[in-house]
Amino acid sequence: MTTSDATLVHQPRITVPYVVAYSGELVEDPICFVAGRSGGVKLSYQAAKPGDWVDGVLRARVRTNHKGQPQWRRLNTRRQWLCMARLWCQVCGKPARDSQGRYPWIMTEKVFRWDEEQPGAIITNAPPTCWACIPDALGSCPQLEDASTTVFSAGGAVPVGVLGDVYRPWVAGVRRNVEVRFTDTSLLPYTLAHQLIVRVFDLRPAAPITEFAA
């Protein structure tokens, strides 16, 4: 074994979280406005497919082949959606539910916020992280080095909206990364959804961050 080979063998392996997008999964299919069933118009892909709309909103198309290079600051829309809807771990992609029937969640101020529609409730677009994957996530993700990072467990979560790009008929430009609720009929038809948002409930503090150190 050469010195270079030995160096490669001893390099730490970086885990690519299940929700992270890859360069070969990105899709740039053209979108347009079409007539809606109840009058008015709605956003659509030009070559529309029945599965394009989920929960009444147009969901961004992506591939799920894990080809190309990891896009560390981008999430794969379909995998993020699955993790939020089914409460799967964002790192390993397996059910995050623990033996007590609860869901571990790493919380930061950037991705957890108070729910304006339900005082005292919290919403997020960050999926849960199972107990087994928490040490790896805390040790390898720079975004979790924030001083606000804490670990909680939740009793569950319910989908309430999306993060997406909002287009307006006959108006130039687009608003990026807008939070749109499923109840917001003024924006939902014009939204290209990229991430699912959930409301978490029955949050309880877990062990201190230091107890998860690798």
Protein backbone atom coordinates (compact mmCIF):
# COMPACT_ATOMS: atom_id res chain seq x y z
CA MET A 1 0.00 0.00 0.00
CA THR A 2 1.42 3.40 -0.96
CA THR A 3 1.39 6.45 1.31
CA SER A 4 -1.37 8.02 -0.77
CA ASP A 5 -3.44 4.83 -0.52
CA ALA A 6 -3.02 4.77 3.25
CA THR A 7 -4.08 8.40 3.47
CA LEU A 8 -7.27 7.65 1.55
CA VAL A 9 -8.06 4.67 3.74
CA HIS A 10 -7.83 6.76 6.90
CA GLN A 11 -9.83 9.70 5.67
CA PRO A 12 -13.12 9.96 7.63
CA ARG A 13 -16.20 9.11 5.63
CA ILE A 14 -18.70 11.94 5.44
CA THR A 15 -22.29 10.77 5.62
CA VAL A 16 -24.52 12.36 3.00
CA PRO A 17 -27.94 12.79 4.65
CA TYR A 18 -30.86 11.08 2.96
CA VAL A 19 -32.59 14.40 2.24
CA VAL A 20 -29.65 16.10 0.49
CA ALA A 21 -30.03 16.64 -3.26
CA TYR A 22 -27.51 15.50 -5.88
CA SER A 23 -26.55 17.43 -9.00
CA GLY A 24 -27.92 14.67 -11.25
CA GLU A 25 -31.35 14.88 -9.62
CA LEU A 26 -32.11 18.48 -10.55
CA VAL A 27 -34.93 19.04 -13.07
CA GLU A 28 -35.56 22.26 -15.03
CA ASP A 29 -38.82 21.45 -16.84
CA PRO A 30 -40.68 24.59 -18.04
CA ILE A 31 -43.74 25.80 -16.15
CA CYS A 32 -46.71 27.91 -17.22
CA PHE A 33 -50.21 28.94 -16.16
CA VAL A 34 -53.26 26.90 -17.16
CA ALA A 35 -56.98 27.16 -16.51
CA GLY A 36 -58.05 25.92 -13.08
CA ARG A 37 -61.08 23.72 -12.43
CA SER A 38 -62.85 26.33 -10.31
CA GLY A 39 -62.04 29.25 -12.57
CA GLY A 40 -58.97 31.42 -12.75
CA VAL A 41 -55.54 29.97 -13.47
CA LYS A 42 -52.99 27.81 -11.71
CA LEU A 43 -49.32 27.01 -12.10
CA SER A 44 -48.48 23.87 -14.09
CA TYR A 45 -45.65 22.14 -15.87
CA GLN A 46 -46.06 22.53 -19.63
CA ALA A 47 -46.13 18.76 -20.06
CA ALA A 48 -48.35 18.13 -17.03
CA LYS A 49 -48.57 14.80 -15.21
CA PRO A 50 -51.26 13.75 -12.68
CA GLY A 51 -48.66 13.34 -9.92
CA ASP A 52 -47.37 16.90 -10.25
CA TRP A 53 -49.89 18.23 -7.72
CA VAL A 54 -49.70 17.11 -4.10
CA ASP A 55 -52.07 18.41 -1.42
CA GLY A 56 -53.40 20.97 -3.89
CA VAL A 57 -50.04 22.52 -4.77
CA LEU A 58 -47.66 22.02 -7.70
CA ARG A 59 -44.61 20.18 -6.36
CA ALA A 60 -41.20 20.75 -7.95
CA ARG A 61 -40.04 17.83 -10.05
CA VAL A 62 -36.82 16.10 -9.05
CA ARG A 63 -35.14 12.79 -9.75
CA THR A 64 -34.27 10.42 -6.91
CA ASN A 65 -31.32 8.56 -8.44
CA HIS A 66 -28.54 9.88 -6.15
CA LYS A 67 -26.40 10.62 -9.23
CA GLY A 68 -23.84 13.39 -9.40
CA GLN A 69 -22.35 15.41 -6.56
CA PRO A 70 -24.12 16.16 -3.26
CA GLN A 71 -25.61 19.64 -3.20
CA TRP A 72 -25.11 20.25 0.50
CA ARG A 73 -27.30 23.34 0.75
CA ARG A 74 -30.18 21.88 -1.27
CA LEU A 75 -32.72 19.26 -0.28
CA ASN A 76 -34.28 16.72 -2.63
CA THR A 77 -37.93 17.74 -2.70
CA ARG A 78 -39.39 14.24 -2.84
CA ARG A 79 -37.17 12.85 -0.09
CA GLN A 80 -37.73 15.86 2.15
CA TRP A 81 -41.47 15.51 1.58
CA LEU A 82 -41.40 11.83 2.53
CA CYS A 83 -39.42 12.52 5.69
CA MET A 84 -41.84 15.22 6.78
CA ALA A 85 -45.04 13.38 5.89
CA ARG A 86 -43.94 9.99 7.27
CA LEU A 87 -41.59 11.30 9.98
CA TRP A 88 -38.51 9.55 8.67
CA CYS A 89 -34.99 10.42 9.78
CA GLN A 90 -33.40 13.02 7.51
CA VAL A 91 -29.99 11.33 7.80
CA CYS A 92 -30.67 7.61 7.26
CA GLY A 93 -34.15 7.78 5.72
CA LYS A 94 -35.61 5.26 8.17
CA PRO A 95 -38.56 5.80 10.55
CA ALA A 96 -37.49 8.18 13.31
CA ARG A 97 -40.06 6.94 15.84
CA ASP A 98 -38.37 5.65 19.00
CA SER A 99 -39.39 2.92 21.45
CA GLN A 100 -41.45 5.45 23.41
CA GLY A 101 -43.47 6.40 20.34
CA ARG A 102 -41.78 9.80 20.06
CA TYR A 103 -39.75 11.56 17.36
CA PRO A 104 -36.34 13.12 18.09
CA TRP A 105 -35.79 16.56 16.51
CA ILE A 106 -32.70 18.74 16.32
CA MET A 107 -33.92 22.31 16.66
CA THR A 108 -32.28 25.58 15.61
CA GLU A 109 -33.67 29.10 15.34
CA LYS A 110 -33.11 29.07 11.57
CA VAL A 111 -35.51 26.24 10.79
CA PHE A 112 -37.93 26.26 13.74
CA ARG A 113 -40.30 29.18 14.24
CA TRP A 114 -43.46 30.09 16.09
CA ASP A 115 -46.69 29.37 14.24
CA GLU A 116 -48.53 32.63 13.64
CA GLU A 117 -51.78 30.75 12.96
CA GLN A 118 -51.68 28.80 16.24
CA PRO A 119 -50.12 30.65 19.18
CA GLY A 120 -47.70 28.51 21.16
CA ALA A 121 -47.19 25.99 18.35
CA ILE A 122 -43.99 25.55 16.36
CA ILE A 123 -43.54 24.85 12.66
CA THR A 124 -40.51 23.65 10.71
CA ASN A 125 -39.29 22.42 7.33
CA ALA A 126 -36.54 20.33 8.95
CA PRO A 127 -37.31 16.59 9.25
CA PRO A 128 -36.69 14.64 12.47
CA THR A 129 -33.40 12.86 13.16
CA CYS A 130 -33.41 9.44 14.81
CA TRP A 131 -31.46 8.97 18.02
CA ALA A 132 -28.83 6.80 16.30
CA CYS A 133 -28.04 9.51 13.73
CA ILE A 134 -28.01 12.54 16.05
CA PRO A 135 -24.29 12.25 17.05
CA ASP A 136 -23.27 12.03 13.37
CA ALA A 137 -25.48 14.98 12.44
CA LEU A 138 -24.20 17.18 15.26
CA GLY A 139 -20.59 16.27 14.53
CA SER A 140 -20.61 16.80 10.76
CA CYS A 141 -23.16 19.51 9.92
CA PRO A 142 -21.80 23.10 10.20
CA GLN A 143 -25.34 24.49 10.32
CA LEU A 144 -25.87 22.72 13.66
CA GLU A 145 -22.97 24.55 15.31
CA ASP A 146 -25.38 27.42 16.01
CA ALA A 147 -25.66 28.32 19.69
CA SER A 148 -29.43 27.85 19.48
CA THR A 149 -29.14 24.15 18.60
CA THR A 150 -31.06 21.90 20.99
CA VAL A 151 -32.51 18.40 20.87
CA PHE A 152 -36.19 17.82 21.60
CA SER A 153 -38.60 14.98 21.10
CA ALA A 154 -42.08 15.42 19.66
CA GLY A 155 -45.29 13.51 19.95
CA GLY A 156 -45.87 13.94 16.23
CA ALA A 157 -46.41 16.45 13.46
CA VAL A 158 -49.00 17.46 10.87
CA PRO A 159 -48.39 19.09 7.44
CA VAL A 160 -49.56 22.70 7.28
CA GLY A 161 -47.95 24.20 4.18
CA VAL A 162 -44.92 24.48 1.93
CA LEU A 163 -41.86 26.53 1.17
CA GLY A 164 -41.82 27.42 -2.50
CA ASP A 165 -41.50 29.91 -5.31
CA VAL A 166 -44.55 32.08 -5.93
CA TYR A 167 -45.34 33.26 -9.47
CA ARG A 168 -48.07 35.69 -10.46
CA PRO A 169 -50.05 35.53 -13.74
CA TRP A 170 -49.09 38.36 -16.08
CA VAL A 171 -46.58 39.72 -13.55
CA ALA A 172 -42.83 39.49 -14.14
CA GLY A 173 -40.55 38.07 -11.47
CA VAL A 174 -40.87 35.43 -8.80
CA ARG A 175 -40.79 35.41 -4.99
CA ARG A 176 -38.42 32.74 -3.74
CA ASN A 177 -38.60 30.60 -0.61
CA VAL A 178 -42.05 31.82 0.46
CA GLU A 179 -43.99 30.08 3.23
CA VAL A 180 -47.45 29.23 1.89
CA ARG A 181 -50.12 27.48 3.98
CA PHE A 182 -52.48 24.90 2.49
CA THR A 183 -55.32 27.18 3.58
CA ASP A 184 -53.97 30.14 1.58
CA THR A 185 -56.02 29.88 -1.62
CA SER A 186 -54.69 33.26 -2.78
CA LEU A 187 -51.14 31.94 -3.20
CA LEU A 188 -51.32 28.14 -3.34
CA PRO A 189 -52.37 27.93 -7.04
CA TYR A 190 -49.36 30.07 -8.02
CA THR A 191 -46.75 28.22 -5.94
CA LEU A 192 -44.05 25.77 -7.02
CA ALA A 193 -43.46 23.87 -3.77
CA HIS A 194 -39.96 22.72 -2.83
CA GLN A 195 -40.35 21.67 0.81
CA LEU A 196 -43.13 20.51 3.09
CA ILE A 197 -43.74 22.37 6.37
CA VAL A 198 -45.18 20.66 9.45
CA ARG A 199 -46.50 21.76 12.81
CA VAL A 200 -44.87 19.73 15.59
CA PHE A 201 -46.71 19.05 18.82
CA ASP A 202 -46.01 17.83 22.33
CA LEU A 203 -42.39 18.99 22.32
CA ARG A 204 -40.23 17.96 25.27
CA PRO A 205 -36.57 18.79 25.98
CA ALA A 206 -34.20 15.85 25.48
CA ALA A 207 -30.69 15.36 26.82
CA PRO A 208 -28.17 18.23 26.54
CA ILE A 209 -26.17 18.50 23.30
CA THR A 210 -22.97 17.48 25.11
CA GLU A 211 -24.40 14.03 25.79
CA PHE A 212 -24.52 13.34 22.06
CA ALA A 213 -20.87 14.17 21.39
CA ALA A 214 -19.11 11.45 19.43
